[in-house]
Amino acid sequence: MSVLIVGGGMTGATLALAISRLTGGALPVHLIEAQDPHSSRHRL
């Protein structure tokens, strides 16, 4: 079994990290984001 998180931006990334840490890495977590993380929309 694995977890697939589609979108969510920072919320989705935070959820992916939390699930990974809570399961000690035993449950694979995959994160799919619509926007390229290197695009200008993701810069501070």
N, C-alpha and C. Protein backbone atom coordinates (compact mmCIF):
# COMPACT_ATOMS: atom_id res chain seq x y z
N MET A 1 0.85 -1.16 0.00
CA MET A 1 0.00 0.00 0.00
C MET A 1 0.90 1.24 0.00
N SER A 2 0.43 2.29 -0.63
CA SER A 2 1.12 3.57 -0.61
C SER A 2 0.09 4.69 -0.62
N VAL A 3 0.54 5.90 -0.35
CA VAL A 3 -0.33 7.07 -0.31
C VAL A 3 0.02 7.96 -1.49
N LEU A 4 -1.01 8.45 -2.18
CA LEU A 4 -0.83 9.37 -3.29
C LEU A 4 -1.54 10.67 -2.93
N ILE A 5 -0.79 11.76 -2.89
CA ILE A 5 -1.36 13.07 -2.60
C ILE A 5 -1.28 13.89 -3.88
N VAL A 6 -2.43 14.35 -4.34
CA VAL A 6 -2.49 15.11 -5.58
C VAL A 6 -2.74 16.58 -5.25
N GLY A 7 -1.75 17.40 -5.53
CA GLY A 7 -1.87 18.84 -5.32
C GLY A 7 -1.83 19.23 -3.85
N GLY A 8 -2.31 20.42 -3.60
CA GLY A 8 -2.37 20.92 -2.24
C GLY A 8 -1.27 21.90 -1.89
N GLY A 9 -0.30 22.07 -2.78
CA GLY A 9 0.77 23.04 -2.52
C GLY A 9 1.50 22.72 -1.23
N MET A 10 1.69 23.73 -0.40
CA MET A 10 2.40 23.55 0.86
C MET A 10 1.63 22.63 1.81
N THR A 11 0.31 22.66 1.74
CA THR A 11 -0.50 21.77 2.59
C THR A 11 -0.26 20.32 2.22
N GLY A 12 -0.26 20.02 0.91
CA GLY A 12 -0.01 18.66 0.45
C GLY A 12 1.39 18.20 0.81
N ALA A 13 2.36 19.08 0.67
CA ALA A 13 3.75 18.74 1.01
C ALA A 13 3.89 18.48 2.51
N THR A 14 3.21 19.28 3.31
CA THR A 14 3.25 19.10 4.76
C THR A 14 2.60 17.78 5.16
N LEU A 15 1.48 17.46 4.52
CA LEU A 15 0.80 16.19 4.78
C LEU A 15 1.69 15.01 4.40
N ALA A 16 2.35 15.10 3.25
CA ALA A 16 3.25 14.03 2.81
C ALA A 16 4.37 13.82 3.82
N LEU A 17 4.95 14.91 4.30
CA LEU A 17 6.02 14.82 5.29
C LEU A 17 5.51 14.22 6.60
N ALA A 18 4.34 14.66 7.04
CA ALA A 18 3.77 14.15 8.29
C ALA A 18 3.49 12.65 8.20
N ILE A 19 2.91 12.21 7.10
CA ILE A 19 2.62 10.78 6.93
C ILE A 19 3.91 9.97 6.92
N SER A 20 4.90 10.47 6.21
CA SER A 20 6.18 9.78 6.13
C SER A 20 6.82 9.65 7.51
N ARG A 21 6.79 10.72 8.26
CA ARG A 21 7.40 10.70 9.61
C ARG A 21 6.60 9.82 10.57
N LEU A 22 5.27 9.89 10.49
CA LEU A 22 4.44 9.09 11.40
C LEU A 22 4.59 7.60 11.15
N THR A 23 4.85 7.22 9.91
CA THR A 23 5.00 5.80 9.59
C THR A 23 6.46 5.36 9.58
N GLY A 24 7.35 6.27 9.91
CA GLY A 24 8.78 5.93 9.92
C GLY A 24 9.30 5.58 8.55
N GLY A 25 8.65 6.07 7.51
CA GLY A 25 9.07 5.79 6.15
C GLY A 25 8.60 4.44 5.63
N ALA A 26 7.83 3.71 6.44
CA ALA A 26 7.36 2.38 6.04
C ALA A 26 6.26 2.45 4.98
N LEU A 27 5.54 3.55 4.93
CA LEU A 27 4.46 3.73 3.97
C LEU A 27 4.92 4.70 2.89
N PRO A 28 5.08 4.24 1.65
CA PRO A 28 5.53 5.14 0.59
C PRO A 28 4.52 6.26 0.35
N VAL A 29 5.01 7.48 0.23
CA VAL A 29 4.16 8.64 -0.01
C VAL A 29 4.60 9.29 -1.32
N HIS A 30 3.66 9.47 -2.24
CA HIS A 30 3.94 10.09 -3.54
C HIS A 30 3.16 11.39 -3.62
N LEU A 31 3.83 12.44 -4.05
CA LEU A 31 3.21 13.76 -4.14
C LEU A 31 3.23 14.22 -5.59
N ILE A 32 2.06 14.53 -6.13
CA ILE A 32 1.94 15.02 -7.50
C ILE A 32 1.44 16.45 -7.46
N GLU A 33 2.18 17.35 -8.07
CA GLU A 33 1.81 18.76 -8.08
C GLU A 33 1.65 19.20 -9.53
N ALA A 34 0.62 20.00 -9.79
CA ALA A 34 0.32 20.45 -11.16
C ALA A 34 1.35 21.44 -11.67
N GLN A 35 1.86 22.29 -10.78
CA GLN A 35 2.81 23.32 -11.19
C GLN A 35 4.25 22.83 -11.02
N ASP A 36 5.11 23.25 -11.91
CA ASP A 36 6.53 22.97 -11.79
C ASP A 36 7.06 23.71 -10.56
N PRO A 37 7.71 23.01 -9.63
CA PRO A 37 8.19 23.68 -8.42
C PRO A 37 9.25 24.74 -8.71
N HIS A 38 9.82 24.73 -9.89
CA HIS A 38 10.84 25.71 -10.26
C HIS A 38 10.26 26.89 -11.02
N SER A 39 8.95 26.92 -11.19
CA SER A 39 8.32 28.03 -11.92
C SER A 39 8.26 29.27 -11.03
N SER A 40 8.00 30.40 -11.62
CA SER A 40 7.97 31.67 -10.89
C SER A 40 6.82 31.74 -9.88
N ARG A 41 5.80 30.93 -10.03
CA ARG A 41 4.66 30.95 -9.09
C ARG A 41 5.04 30.41 -7.72
N HIS A 42 6.14 29.67 -7.63
CA HIS A 42 6.53 29.05 -6.37
C HIS A 42 7.69 29.76 -5.70
N ARG A 43 8.02 30.94 -6.13
CA ARG A 43 9.13 31.67 -5.52
C ARG A 43 8.62 32.64 -4.49
N LEU A 44 9.42 32.85 -3.47
CA LEU A 44 9.05 33.80 -2.41
C LEU A 44 9.47 35.19 -2.78
